[in-house]
N, C-alpha and C. Protein backbone atom coordinates (compact mmCIF):
# COMPACT_ATOMS: atom_id res chain seq x y z
N UNK A 1 -52.26 5.06 -8.71
CA UNK A 1 -53.21 4.08 -8.07
C UNK A 1 -52.37 3.29 -6.99
N UNK A 2 -53.65 2.80 -6.57
CA UNK A 2 -52.81 2.07 -5.07
C UNK A 2 -53.75 0.43 -4.66
N UNK A 3 -52.61 0.09 -5.09
CA UNK A 3 -52.13 -1.25 -5.74
C UNK A 3 -52.81 -2.22 -4.08
N UNK A 4 -53.30 -3.35 -4.04
CA UNK A 4 -54.26 -4.52 -3.65
C UNK A 4 -53.08 -5.00 -2.32
N UNK A 5 -52.69 -5.15 -1.68
CA UNK A 5 -51.45 -5.90 -0.72
C UNK A 5 -51.33 -7.30 -1.10
N UNK A 6 -50.21 -7.69 -0.51
CA UNK A 6 -50.12 -8.90 -1.20
C UNK A 6 -50.06 -9.83 0.04
N UNK A 7 -51.12 -10.96 -0.60
CA UNK A 7 -52.14 -11.63 0.58
C UNK A 7 -51.35 -13.38 0.69
N UNK A 8 -50.53 -13.25 -0.30
CA UNK A 8 -49.21 -14.46 0.19
C UNK A 8 -49.84 -14.99 -1.91
N UNK A 9 -48.75 -16.32 -1.63
CA UNK A 9 -49.08 -17.13 -2.58
C UNK A 9 -49.86 -17.43 -3.62
N UNK A 10 -50.17 -18.05 -4.35
CA UNK A 10 -51.69 -17.98 -5.43
C UNK A 10 -52.30 -19.67 -4.91
N UNK A 11 -52.78 -19.85 -4.87
CA UNK A 11 -53.76 -20.93 -4.70
C UNK A 11 -53.15 -22.40 -5.89
N UNK A 12 -53.25 -23.52 -5.41
CA UNK A 12 -53.14 -24.62 -6.48
C UNK A 12 -54.10 -24.15 -7.29
N UNK A 13 -53.74 -25.18 -8.81
CA UNK A 13 -54.02 -25.42 -9.37
C UNK A 13 -54.77 -26.75 -9.50
N UNK A 14 -55.90 -27.25 -9.67
CA UNK A 14 -55.65 -28.85 -9.73
C UNK A 14 -56.83 -28.82 -11.17
N UNK A 15 -56.42 -29.67 -12.09
CA UNK A 15 -56.73 -30.32 -13.17
C UNK A 15 -58.20 -30.59 -13.06
N UNK A 16 -59.30 -30.14 -14.52
CA UNK A 16 -60.18 -30.82 -14.07
C UNK A 16 -60.76 -31.81 -14.32
N UNK A 17 -61.76 -33.03 -14.26
CA UNK A 17 -61.89 -33.80 -14.06
C UNK A 17 -62.60 -34.20 -15.86
N UNK A 18 -62.42 -34.55 -16.72
CA UNK A 18 -62.83 -35.67 -17.68
C UNK A 18 -62.26 -34.72 -18.73
N UNK A 19 -61.69 -33.87 -18.88
CA UNK A 19 -60.14 -32.50 -18.94
C UNK A 19 -58.58 -33.11 -19.90
N UNK A 20 -58.04 -32.92 -20.94
CA UNK A 20 -57.13 -32.60 -21.47
C UNK A 20 -55.96 -32.15 -19.97
N UNK A 21 -55.20 -32.85 -20.06
CA UNK A 21 -54.11 -32.46 -19.22
C UNK A 21 -53.42 -31.24 -18.90
N UNK A 22 -53.43 -29.58 -18.47
CA UNK A 22 -53.08 -28.61 -18.27
C UNK A 22 -51.21 -28.89 -18.79
N UNK A 23 -51.07 -27.67 -19.53
CA UNK A 23 -49.70 -27.68 -20.46
C UNK A 23 -48.44 -27.66 -19.55
N UNK A 24 -48.15 -27.65 -19.28
CA UNK A 24 -46.53 -27.48 -18.39
C UNK A 24 -47.08 -25.63 -18.60
N UNK A 25 -45.93 -24.69 -18.18
CA UNK A 25 -46.04 -22.87 -18.23
C UNK A 25 -44.45 -22.99 -19.19
N UNK A 26 -44.41 -22.04 -19.93
CA UNK A 26 -43.97 -21.89 -20.90
C UNK A 26 -43.68 -22.79 -22.72
N UNK A 27 -45.27 -23.70 -22.03
CA UNK A 27 -45.38 -24.28 -23.52
C UNK A 27 -46.47 -23.40 -24.44
N UNK A 28 -46.47 -24.00 -25.59
CA UNK A 28 -47.35 -22.86 -26.46
C UNK A 28 -48.81 -24.39 -26.69
N UNK A 29 -49.73 -23.44 -27.25
CA UNK A 29 -50.96 -24.87 -27.25
C UNK A 29 -50.64 -25.48 -29.07
N UNK A 30 -50.88 -26.58 -28.87
CA UNK A 30 -50.13 -27.23 -30.02
C UNK A 30 -51.40 -26.48 -31.37
N UNK A 31 -51.22 -26.64 -32.10
CA UNK A 31 -51.81 -26.23 -33.49
C UNK A 31 -51.91 -27.40 -34.58
N UNK A 32 -52.48 -26.83 -35.95
CA UNK A 32 -52.16 -27.57 -36.77
C UNK A 32 -51.19 -27.45 -37.15
N UNK A 33 -50.65 -28.60 -38.06
CA UNK A 33 -49.48 -27.94 -39.17
C UNK A 33 -49.03 -27.39 -39.59
N UNK A 34 -47.72 -26.73 -39.63
CA UNK A 34 -48.21 -25.74 -41.39
C UNK A 34 -47.80 -26.32 -41.90
N UNK A 35 -47.95 -25.89 -43.37
CA UNK A 35 -47.86 -26.18 -44.08
C UNK A 35 -46.13 -26.62 -45.06
N UNK A 36 -45.26 -27.31 -45.88
CA UNK A 36 -44.02 -26.66 -46.16
C UNK A 36 -43.82 -25.52 -47.06
N UNK A 37 -42.82 -25.02 -46.55
CA UNK A 37 -42.73 -23.40 -47.74
C UNK A 37 -42.04 -23.69 -49.30
N UNK A 38 -42.21 -23.19 -50.08
CA UNK A 38 -42.05 -23.53 -51.48
C UNK A 38 -39.97 -22.81 -51.62
N UNK A 39 -40.10 -24.00 -52.11
CA UNK A 39 -38.64 -23.41 -52.71
C UNK A 39 -38.07 -21.90 -53.32
N UNK A 40 -37.19 -21.05 -52.51
CA UNK A 40 -37.09 -20.45 -53.39
C UNK A 40 -36.78 -20.52 -54.43
N UNK A 41 -37.66 -19.46 -55.73
CA UNK A 41 -37.26 -19.93 -56.76
C UNK A 41 -35.96 -18.90 -57.53
N UNK A 42 -35.79 -18.74 -58.74
CA UNK A 42 -34.29 -18.06 -59.32
C UNK A 42 -35.02 -16.64 -59.43
N UNK A 43 -35.65 -16.78 -60.01
CA UNK A 43 -36.33 -14.52 -59.53
C UNK A 43 -35.74 -14.19 -58.82
N UNK A 44 -36.36 -14.47 -57.57
CA UNK A 44 -36.44 -14.58 -55.91
C UNK A 44 -34.95 -13.72 -56.14
N UNK A 45 -34.26 -15.00 -56.58
CA UNK A 45 -32.43 -15.03 -55.87
C UNK A 45 -32.07 -14.27 -56.44
N UNK A 46 -32.91 -13.74 -58.38
CA UNK A 46 -32.40 -12.47 -58.82
C UNK A 46 -33.09 -11.64 -58.44
N UNK A 47 -33.76 -10.58 -58.12
CA UNK A 47 -34.39 -9.51 -57.22
C UNK A 47 -33.26 -9.47 -56.14
N UNK A 48 -33.18 -10.41 -55.28
CA UNK A 48 -32.37 -10.26 -54.26
C UNK A 48 -31.33 -10.23 -54.91
N UNK A 49 -30.32 -9.78 -55.78
CA UNK A 49 -29.42 -9.60 -55.68
C UNK A 49 -28.81 -8.57 -56.32
N UNK A 50 -29.81 -8.16 -56.86
CA UNK A 50 -29.83 -6.34 -57.81
C UNK A 50 -30.78 -5.68 -56.66
N UNK A 51 -31.51 -6.60 -55.55
CA UNK A 51 -31.06 -4.93 -54.36
C UNK A 51 -30.42 -4.85 -53.98
N UNK A 52 -29.50 -6.32 -52.94
CA UNK A 52 -27.72 -6.15 -52.93
C UNK A 52 -27.54 -5.30 -53.37
N UNK A 53 -27.11 -5.04 -54.63
CA UNK A 53 -25.90 -4.81 -55.93
C UNK A 53 -26.31 -3.20 -55.80
N UNK A 54 -27.89 -2.75 -55.50
CA UNK A 54 -28.01 -1.07 -55.59
C UNK A 54 -27.30 -0.53 -54.55
N UNK A 55 -28.14 -1.29 -53.09
CA UNK A 55 -27.52 -0.74 -52.33
C UNK A 55 -26.00 -1.13 -51.56
N UNK A 56 -25.33 -1.83 -51.54
CA UNK A 56 -24.18 -1.23 -52.08
C UNK A 56 -23.71 -0.54 -53.11
N UNK A 57 -23.55 -0.41 -54.57
CA UNK A 57 -23.52 0.89 -55.36
C UNK A 57 -23.87 2.17 -54.49
N UNK A 58 -25.30 2.56 -53.78
CA UNK A 58 -25.46 4.02 -53.19
C UNK A 58 -24.55 3.90 -51.98
N UNK A 59 -24.17 2.67 -50.80
CA UNK A 59 -23.74 2.43 -49.90
C UNK A 59 -22.18 3.29 -49.85
N UNK A 60 -21.42 2.88 -51.53
CA UNK A 60 -19.74 3.02 -51.69
C UNK A 60 -19.68 4.55 -52.46
N UNK A 61 -21.00 5.00 -53.37
CA UNK A 61 -21.38 6.11 -53.96
C UNK A 61 -21.29 7.06 -52.61
N UNK A 62 -22.20 7.01 -51.56
CA UNK A 62 -22.48 7.80 -50.36
C UNK A 62 -21.22 8.27 -49.41
N UNK A 63 -20.25 7.20 -49.51
CA UNK A 63 -18.73 6.79 -49.08
C UNK A 63 -17.96 7.79 -49.87
N UNK A 64 -17.75 7.37 -50.67
CA UNK A 64 -17.18 8.41 -51.63
C UNK A 64 -17.52 9.82 -51.85
N UNK A 65 -18.43 10.40 -51.79
CA UNK A 65 -18.80 11.79 -52.41
C UNK A 65 -18.64 13.03 -51.96
């Protein structure tokens, strides 16, 4: 695929009258606020602990085997 030759710098951007000012480079467009996350329940802690223990037991069994 042939590329187009470099024509020089891009033309500057100008704000459009009657609209919001442009966002600076790298900024994100703001949206509605996110709702706060619910705290972790006791059941979720227990599930996480059980999964961690199962993984640890399988790891130790695999190493010692």
